[in-house]
C-alpha atoms as a PDB file:
ATOM      1  CA  MET A   1      96.859  95.666 117.406  1.00  0.00           C
ATOM      2  CA  GLU A   2      97.632  98.347 119.983  1.00  0.00           C
ATOM      3  CA  ARG A   3     100.866  99.186 118.186  1.00  0.00           C
ATOM      4  CA  VAL A   4      98.993  99.724 114.913  1.00  0.00           C
ATOM      5  CA  SER A   5      96.510 101.982 116.719  1.00  0.00           C
ATOM      6  CA  ARG A   6      99.365 104.093 118.087  1.00  0.00           C
ATOM      7  CA  MET A   7     101.037 104.304 114.682  1.00  0.00           C
ATOM      8  CA  VAL A   8      97.779 105.296 112.969  1.00  0.00           C
ATOM      9  CA  ALA A   9      97.345 108.131 115.476  1.00  0.00           C
ATOM     10  CA  GLU A  10     100.760 109.599 114.529  1.00  0.00           C
ATOM     11  CA  LYS A  11      99.598 111.652 111.561  1.00  0.00           C
ATOM     12  CA  PRO A  12      96.413 112.385 109.612  1.00  0.00           C
ATOM     13  CA  VAL A  13      97.508 109.947 106.867  1.00  0.00           C
ATOM     14  CA  VAL A  14      99.352 106.709 107.607  1.00  0.00           C
ATOM     15  CA  ILE A  15     100.410 104.174 105.003  1.00  0.00           C
ATOM     16  CA  PHE A  16     101.606 100.626 105.631  1.00  0.00           C
ATOM     17  CA  SER A  17     103.381  99.303 102.573  1.00  0.00           C
ATOM     18  CA  LYS A  18     106.273  97.272 101.257  1.00  0.00           C
ATOM     19  CA  SER A  19     109.152  98.934  99.452  1.00  0.00           C
ATOM     20  CA  SER A  20     108.956  96.514  96.530  1.00  0.00           C
ATOM     21  CA  CYS A  21     105.260  97.143  95.780  1.00  0.00           C
ATOM     22  CA  CYS A  22     104.730  99.294  92.675  1.00  0.00           C
ATOM     23  CA  MET A  23     101.135 100.114  93.651  1.00  0.00           C
ATOM     24  CA  SER A  24     102.326 101.325  97.037  1.00  0.00           C
ATOM     25  CA  HIS A  25     104.736 103.650  95.230  1.00  0.00           C
ATOM     26  CA  THR A  26     101.882 104.960  93.064  1.00  0.00           C
ATOM     27  CA  ILE A  27      99.667 105.756  96.055  1.00  0.00           C
ATOM     28  CA  LYS A  28     102.522 107.393  97.970  1.00  0.00           C
ATOM     29  CA  SER A  29     103.233 109.520  94.873  1.00  0.00           C
ATOM     30  CA  LEU A  30      99.550 110.496  94.628  1.00  0.00           C
ATOM     31  CA  PHE A  31      99.535 111.755  98.211  1.00  0.00           C
ATOM     32  CA  CYS A  32     102.767 113.688  97.671  1.00  0.00           C
ATOM     33  CA  ASP A  33     101.345 115.239  94.489  1.00  0.00           C
ATOM     34  CA  LEU A  34      98.313 116.355  96.506  1.00  0.00           C
ATOM     35  CA  GLY A  35     100.619 117.999  99.064  1.00  0.00           C
ATOM     36  CA  VAL A  36     100.056 115.391 101.770  1.00  0.00           C
ATOM     37  CA  HIS A  37     102.976 114.085 103.792  1.00  0.00           C
ATOM     38  CA  PRO A  38     101.874 110.722 105.186  1.00  0.00           C
ATOM     39  CA  ALA A  39     103.653 108.627 107.759  1.00  0.00           C
ATOM     40  CA  VAL A  40     104.885 105.682 105.705  1.00  0.00           C
ATOM     41  CA  HIS A  41     105.797 102.385 107.354  1.00  0.00           C
ATOM     42  CA  GLU A  42     107.615  99.994 105.018  1.00  0.00           C
ATOM     43  CA  LEU A  43     106.920  96.654 106.689  1.00  0.00           C
ATOM     44  CA  ASP A  44     109.637  94.789 104.788  1.00  0.00           C
ATOM     45  CA  GLU A  45     112.292  97.275 105.946  1.00  0.00           C
ATOM     46  CA  MET A  46     111.389  97.257 109.640  1.00  0.00           C
ATOM     47  CA  GLN A  47     114.007  95.696 111.877  1.00  0.00           C
ATOM     48  CA  ARG A  48     111.378  94.451 114.313  1.00  0.00           C
ATOM     49  CA  GLY A  49     107.657  93.978 114.246  1.00  0.00           C
ATOM     50  CA  GLY A  50     106.853  94.094 110.537  1.00  0.00           C
ATOM     51  CA  ARG A  51     105.213  90.668 110.524  1.00  0.00           C
ATOM     52  CA  GLU A  52     103.260  91.414 113.696  1.00  0.00           C
ATOM     53  CA  ILE A  53     101.965  94.649 112.190  1.00  0.00           C
ATOM     54  CA  GLU A  54     100.968  92.789 109.030  1.00  0.00           C
ATOM     55  CA  ALA A  55      99.075  90.233 111.157  1.00  0.00           C
ATOM     56  CA  ALA A  56      97.322  93.056 113.040  1.00  0.00           C
ATOM     57  CA  LEU A  57      96.328  94.690 109.733  1.00  0.00           C
ATOM     58  CA  SER A  58      94.848  91.376 108.650  1.00  0.00           C
ATOM     59  CA  ARG A  59      92.787  91.223 111.859  1.00  0.00           C
ATOM     60  CA  LEU A  60      91.539  94.748 111.126  1.00  0.00           C
ATOM     61  CA  GLY A  61      90.198  93.528 107.798  1.00  0.00           C
ATOM     62  CA  CYS A  62      92.966  94.552 105.416  1.00  0.00           C
ATOM     63  CA  ASN A  63      93.037  92.022 102.625  1.00  0.00           C
ATOM     64  CA  PRO A  64      95.641  92.074 101.240  1.00  0.00           C
ATOM     65  CA  THR A  65      97.453  93.524 104.236  1.00  0.00           C
ATOM     66  CA  VAL A  66      99.648  95.802 102.144  1.00  0.00           C
ATOM     67  CA  LEU A  67      98.928  98.502 100.949  1.00  0.00           C
ATOM     68  CA  ALA A  68      96.875  99.764 103.891  1.00  0.00           C
ATOM     69  CA  VAL A  69      95.932 103.445 104.067  1.00  0.00           C
ATOM     70  CA  PHE A  70      94.477 105.147 107.134  1.00  0.00           C
ATOM     71  CA  ILE A  71      93.053 108.663 106.947  1.00  0.00           C
ATOM     72  CA  GLY A  72      92.008 110.422 110.128  1.00  0.00           C
ATOM     73  CA  GLY A  73      92.608 107.232 112.079  1.00  0.00           C
ATOM     74  CA  GLU A  74      90.154 105.244 109.949  1.00  0.00           C
ATOM     75  CA  LEU A  75      91.051 102.423 107.600  1.00  0.00           C
ATOM     76  CA  VAL A  76      90.348 103.504 104.018  1.00  0.00           C
ATOM     77  CA  GLY A  77      91.729 100.374 102.377  1.00  0.00           C
ATOM     78  CA  GLY A  78      94.258  99.712  99.656  1.00  0.00           C
ATOM     79  CA  GLU A  79      95.097 101.159  96.282  1.00  0.00           C
ATOM     80  CA  SER A  80      91.692 100.387  94.730  1.00  0.00           C
ATOM     81  CA  GLU A  81      89.800 102.214  97.457  1.00  0.00           C
ATOM     82  CA  VAL A  82      92.142 105.206  97.456  1.00  0.00           C
ATOM     83  CA  MET A  83      92.032 105.522  93.652  1.00  0.00           C
ATOM     84  CA  SER A  84      88.235 105.180  93.660  1.00  0.00           C
ATOM     85  CA  LEU A  85      87.951 107.979  96.213  1.00  0.00           C
ATOM     86  CA  HIS A  86      90.309 110.115  94.143  1.00  0.00           C
ATOM     87  CA  LEU A  87      88.387 109.539  90.902  1.00  0.00           C
ATOM     88  CA  GLN A  88      85.083 110.286  92.670  1.00  0.00           C
ATOM     89  CA  ARG A  89      86.628 113.530  93.978  1.00  0.00           C
ATOM     90  CA  SER A  90      86.051 112.362  97.547  1.00  0.00           C
ATOM     91  CA  LEU A  91      89.687 111.954  98.564  1.00  0.00           C
ATOM     92  CA  LYS A  92      90.595 115.648  98.912  1.00  0.00           C
ATOM     93  CA  PRO A  93      87.594 116.484 101.137  1.00  0.00           C
ATOM     94  CA  MET A  94      88.428 113.472 103.297  1.00  0.00           C
ATOM     95  CA  LEU A  95      92.041 114.639 103.592  1.00  0.00           C
ATOM     96  CA  LYS A  96      90.868 118.152 104.522  1.00  0.00           C
ATOM     97  CA  ARG A  97      88.574 116.807 107.250  1.00  0.00           C
ATOM     98  CA  ALA A  98      91.464 114.778 108.654  1.00  0.00           C
ATOM     99  CA  GLY A  99      93.732 117.843 108.728  1.00  0.00           C
ATOM    100  CA  ALA A 100      96.137 116.516 106.092  1.00  0.00           C
ATOM    101  CA  LEU A 101      95.289 119.265 103.576  1.00  0.00           C
ATOM    102  CA  TRP A 102      94.540 122.913 104.198  1.00  0.00           C
ATOM    103  CA  VAL A 103      93.773 124.162 100.686  1.00  0.00           C
END
């Protein structure tokens, strides 16, 4: 759990995903289109610790554990939550508050 906390503190937006997940790709593309450059951790491509991180995400309440998006150090959720925020026009203000967007 401590490792996840350190990783989440790396950047304003942190994404835990799997390279084979099409929804993960969609969310990563959304952030890039918005001008956000998140720290992306592909759990299935990690040499060590991917399963432990996935278990820690589960303990934090991520269900399913991938895709997990953190903004400003706080767990936002998965693709449904991120897309809901985007459609409600709440995502950009959240990204600005976290320092991930300046415009």
